[in-house]
Amino acid sequence: SANHQLQLLRPNRRRTTMGRFDTGDRDAGREPCPDRIIEDLGGAFGMGAIGGFVWHFVKGARNSPQGDRLAGGLYSARARAPILGGNFAVWGGTFSSFDCSLQYIRRRDDHWNAIASGFLTGGVLAARGGWKAASRNAVIGGVLLAIIEGVAALLIKSTSKTPREMALEQMEQEQQMKAYQQRADSGQVTGMQSYVEYAQAATGFGPKTAATPE
């Protein structure tokens, strides 16, 4: 009918909402929220426990009398390493909880979430020391996370390729594959040389073809 056709022609005005934690994570190699909280908590505990074991083993061995250095180092490491691992786990779990909460509230995953999470984590973990200690540690946490996120962004920007560079590389690879196919059809490459040149052309490491227009 005419009304049905009009309904089909009208644009769909229904609002689309993201899923509960469908925020487009920046790092696809990490678990999505809220599973990320458990992953970060366990990873932080492992990092702190391993680093604490090495640190307290060396410290305990140095402070032990000669002849008992191994036993003293192991005793110190076993006693202190889990404590340091627990401290790391508390920090990592709190930070990740704030990070996932901000992702859910803001509906996006960017550097500001990490910076704000560092600020909030530093303040919350130092809250027992009063508002002065909490504010000082909050600022320190925010600044540290800002430095880390800034360095990470610079590294990604310096190592990643622009769409134009990727397109030029793809064009060059296609030209190399076409040149290899022509040589293979004419019988110029055979045997092992054929496999080598095919691998070079497929990965873009073959001899450069005609200059690609800039």
Protein backbone atom coordinates (compact mmCIF):
# COMPACT_ATOMS: atom_id res chain seq x y z
CA SER A 1 0.00 0.00 0.00
CA ALA A 2 0.97 3.67 -0.24
CA ASN A 3 1.36 4.03 3.54
CA HIS A 4 3.66 1.02 3.65
CA GLN A 5 5.83 2.46 0.89
CA LEU A 6 6.05 5.79 2.72
CA GLN A 7 7.17 4.01 5.88
CA LEU A 8 9.96 2.28 3.91
CA LEU A 9 11.12 5.58 2.38
CA ARG A 10 11.26 7.43 5.70
CA PRO A 11 14.68 7.42 7.41
CA ASN A 12 15.01 5.21 10.43
CA ARG A 13 15.03 7.63 13.35
CA ARG A 14 15.41 5.07 16.11
CA ARG A 15 18.30 5.90 18.40
CA THR A 16 21.05 3.31 18.54
CA THR A 17 22.65 2.82 21.92
CA MET A 18 25.90 1.06 22.64
CA GLY A 19 26.04 -2.05 24.73
CA ARG A 20 26.88 -1.91 28.40
CA PHE A 21 30.63 -1.76 27.82
CA ASP A 22 30.68 -1.37 24.02
CA THR A 23 32.96 1.67 24.08
CA GLY A 24 35.44 0.85 21.33
CA ASP A 25 38.47 -0.18 23.36
CA ARG A 26 41.74 1.42 22.25
CA ASP A 27 43.76 -1.70 22.94
CA ALA A 28 42.22 -4.72 21.24
CA GLY A 29 44.80 -6.99 22.91
CA ARG A 30 43.28 -6.42 26.37
CA GLU A 31 40.15 -7.92 27.86
CA PRO A 32 37.05 -5.72 27.56
CA CYS A 33 35.47 -4.22 30.65
CA PRO A 34 34.52 -5.44 33.22
CA ASP A 35 36.71 -8.54 32.72
CA ARG A 36 39.67 -6.18 32.42
CA ILE A 37 39.47 -5.49 36.16
CA ILE A 38 40.27 -9.12 37.01
CA GLU A 39 43.01 -9.25 34.38
CA ASP A 40 44.69 -6.06 35.64
CA LEU A 41 44.36 -7.15 39.26
CA GLY A 42 46.05 -10.48 38.60
CA GLY A 43 48.70 -8.97 36.36
CA ALA A 44 49.54 -6.30 38.92
CA PHE A 45 49.82 -8.91 41.67
CA GLY A 46 52.13 -11.05 39.55
CA MET A 47 54.29 -8.07 38.64
CA GLY A 48 54.58 -6.93 42.25
CA ALA A 49 55.20 -10.44 43.57
CA ILE A 50 57.94 -11.25 41.05
CA GLY A 51 59.62 -7.86 41.39
CA GLY A 52 59.27 -7.97 45.16
CA PHE A 53 60.75 -11.46 45.31
CA VAL A 54 63.85 -10.37 43.40
CA TRP A 55 64.21 -7.13 45.37
CA HIS A 56 63.76 -8.64 48.84
CA PHE A 57 65.88 -11.68 47.98
CA VAL A 58 68.83 -9.46 47.11
CA LYS A 59 68.18 -7.23 50.11
CA GLY A 60 67.82 -10.16 52.49
CA ALA A 61 70.95 -11.85 51.15
CA ARG A 62 73.00 -8.68 51.61
CA ASN A 63 71.81 -8.22 55.19
CA SER A 64 72.39 -11.86 56.16
CA PRO A 65 75.67 -13.16 57.60
CA GLN A 66 78.04 -14.95 55.29
CA GLY A 67 77.09 -18.59 54.97
CA ASP A 68 73.38 -17.90 55.46
CA ARG A 69 72.86 -15.51 52.56
CA LEU A 70 70.79 -17.93 50.47
CA ALA A 71 68.53 -18.90 53.36
CA GLY A 72 68.22 -15.28 54.51
CA GLY A 73 67.39 -14.06 51.01
CA LEU A 74 64.74 -16.73 50.51
CA TYR A 75 63.17 -16.04 53.91
CA SER A 76 62.99 -12.31 53.24
CA ALA A 77 61.59 -12.83 49.74
CA ARG A 78 58.91 -15.28 50.91
CA ALA A 79 57.86 -12.95 53.72
CA ARG A 80 57.78 -9.66 51.83
CA ALA A 81 57.08 -10.46 48.16
CA PRO A 82 53.35 -11.34 48.64
CA ILE A 83 52.83 -8.08 50.54
CA LEU A 84 54.25 -6.02 47.69
CA GLY A 85 52.22 -8.07 45.23
CA GLY A 86 49.08 -7.31 47.23
CA ASN A 87 49.85 -3.59 47.18
CA PHE A 88 50.29 -3.70 43.42
CA ALA A 89 47.04 -5.67 43.07
CA VAL A 90 45.11 -3.07 45.11
CA TRP A 91 46.45 -0.27 42.95
CA GLY A 92 45.84 -2.12 39.68
CA GLY A 93 42.34 -3.25 40.64
CA THR A 94 41.32 0.21 41.84
CA PHE A 95 42.73 1.89 38.74
CA SER A 96 41.03 -0.57 36.40
CA SER A 97 37.71 -0.20 38.25
CA PHE A 98 37.80 3.57 37.80
CA ASP A 99 38.87 3.16 34.17
CA CYS A 100 35.97 0.85 33.34
CA SER A 101 33.53 3.06 35.25
CA LEU A 102 34.62 6.12 33.28
CA GLN A 103 34.33 4.16 30.03
CA TYR A 104 30.75 3.26 30.89
CA ILE A 105 29.85 6.81 31.94
CA ARG A 106 31.57 8.62 29.04
CA ARG A 107 30.88 5.94 26.40
CA ARG A 108 34.41 6.19 25.06
CA ASP A 109 37.90 4.85 25.72
CA ASP A 110 40.62 7.48 25.46
CA HIS A 111 43.65 8.84 27.30
CA TRP A 112 41.53 11.03 29.57
CA ASN A 113 40.01 7.96 31.20
CA ALA A 114 43.44 6.69 32.20
CA ILE A 115 44.58 10.08 33.48
CA ALA A 116 41.42 10.58 35.53
CA SER A 117 41.66 7.02 36.84
CA GLY A 118 45.22 7.63 38.00
CA PHE A 119 44.10 10.82 39.74
CA LEU A 120 41.18 9.09 41.48
CA THR A 121 43.23 6.01 42.41
CA GLY A 122 45.99 8.06 44.01
CA GLY A 123 43.46 10.04 46.01
CA VAL A 124 41.40 7.05 47.17
CA LEU A 125 44.36 4.95 48.29
CA ALA A 126 45.76 7.87 50.32
CA ALA A 127 42.41 8.93 51.79
CA ARG A 128 43.25 7.51 55.22
CA GLY A 129 46.07 10.05 55.55
CA GLY A 130 43.74 13.04 55.32
CA TRP A 131 42.68 15.36 52.54
CA LYS A 132 46.15 16.86 52.13
CA ALA A 133 47.80 13.48 51.54
CA ALA A 134 44.89 12.38 49.34
CA SER A 135 45.06 15.50 47.18
CA ARG A 136 48.85 15.28 46.88
CA ASN A 137 48.79 11.62 45.84
CA ALA A 138 45.91 12.28 43.47
CA VAL A 139 47.90 14.94 41.66
CA ILE A 140 50.94 12.65 41.55
CA GLY A 141 48.86 9.79 40.15
CA GLY A 142 47.28 12.02 37.51
CA VAL A 143 50.61 13.49 36.43
CA LEU A 144 52.28 10.07 36.23
CA LEU A 145 49.46 8.66 34.10
CA ALA A 146 49.52 11.76 31.91
CA ILE A 147 53.24 11.25 31.29
CA ILE A 148 52.75 7.54 30.56
CA GLU A 149 49.84 8.17 28.20
CA GLY A 150 51.72 10.98 26.46
CA VAL A 151 54.80 8.84 25.86
CA ALA A 152 52.63 5.96 24.64
CA ALA A 153 50.78 8.25 22.23
CA LEU A 154 54.06 9.61 20.84
CA LEU A 155 55.43 6.09 20.36
CA ILE A 156 52.29 4.95 18.58
CA LYS A 157 52.30 8.04 16.38
CA SER A 158 55.96 7.59 15.46
CA THR A 159 55.66 3.87 14.67
CA SER A 160 52.24 3.78 13.00
CA LYS A 161 51.78 4.42 9.30
CA THR A 162 49.44 6.92 7.74
CA PRO A 163 46.69 5.69 5.38
CA ARG A 164 48.62 7.23 2.47
CA GLU A 165 51.77 5.27 3.33
CA MET A 166 49.77 2.05 3.67
CA ALA A 167 48.12 2.66 0.30
CA LEU A 168 51.50 3.29 -1.35
CA GLU A 169 52.91 0.09 0.15
CA GLN A 170 49.92 -1.88 -1.08
CA MET A 171 50.33 -0.45 -4.58
CA GLU A 172 54.03 -1.35 -4.57
CA GLN A 173 53.24 -4.88 -3.40
CA GLU A 174 50.66 -5.31 -6.16
CA GLN A 175 53.18 -4.11 -8.75
CA GLN A 176 55.80 -6.57 -7.44
CA MET A 177 53.31 -9.44 -7.58
CA LYS A 178 52.35 -8.48 -11.15
CA ALA A 179 56.01 -8.33 -12.19
CA TYR A 180 56.67 -11.72 -10.58
CA GLN A 181 53.66 -13.25 -12.33
CA GLN A 182 54.86 -11.98 -15.69
CA ARG A 183 58.35 -13.41 -15.12
CA ALA A 184 56.90 -16.72 -13.94
CA ASP A 185 54.61 -16.99 -16.99
CA SER A 186 57.54 -16.31 -19.32
CA GLY A 187 59.68 -18.97 -17.61
CA GLN A 188 62.36 -16.59 -16.32
CA VAL A 189 62.11 -17.93 -12.76
CA THR A 190 62.01 -21.62 -11.86
CA GLY A 191 62.64 -23.88 -8.90
CA MET A 192 63.85 -22.38 -5.63
CA GLN A 193 64.28 -18.95 -7.19
CA SER A 194 60.56 -18.93 -7.93
CA TYR A 195 59.69 -19.57 -4.27
CA VAL A 196 62.11 -16.89 -3.07
CA GLU A 197 60.84 -14.23 -5.46
CA TYR A 198 57.23 -15.12 -4.70
CA ALA A 199 57.86 -14.67 -0.96
CA GLN A 200 59.60 -11.34 -1.57
CA ALA A 201 56.76 -10.08 -3.75
CA ALA A 202 54.06 -11.28 -1.33
CA THR A 203 55.68 -9.45 1.59
CA GLY A 204 56.68 -6.35 -0.37
CA PHE A 205 60.43 -6.94 0.02
CA GLY A 206 61.10 -7.62 -3.63
CA PRO A 207 63.05 -5.33 -5.97
CA LYS A 208 61.46 -1.93 -6.31
CA THR A 209 59.38 -1.38 -9.40
CA ALA A 210 58.81 1.89 -11.19
CA ALA A 211 58.52 4.84 -8.85
CA THR A 212 55.08 5.25 -7.40
CA PRO A 213 53.67 8.74 -7.98
CA GLU A 214 53.77 10.84 -4.84
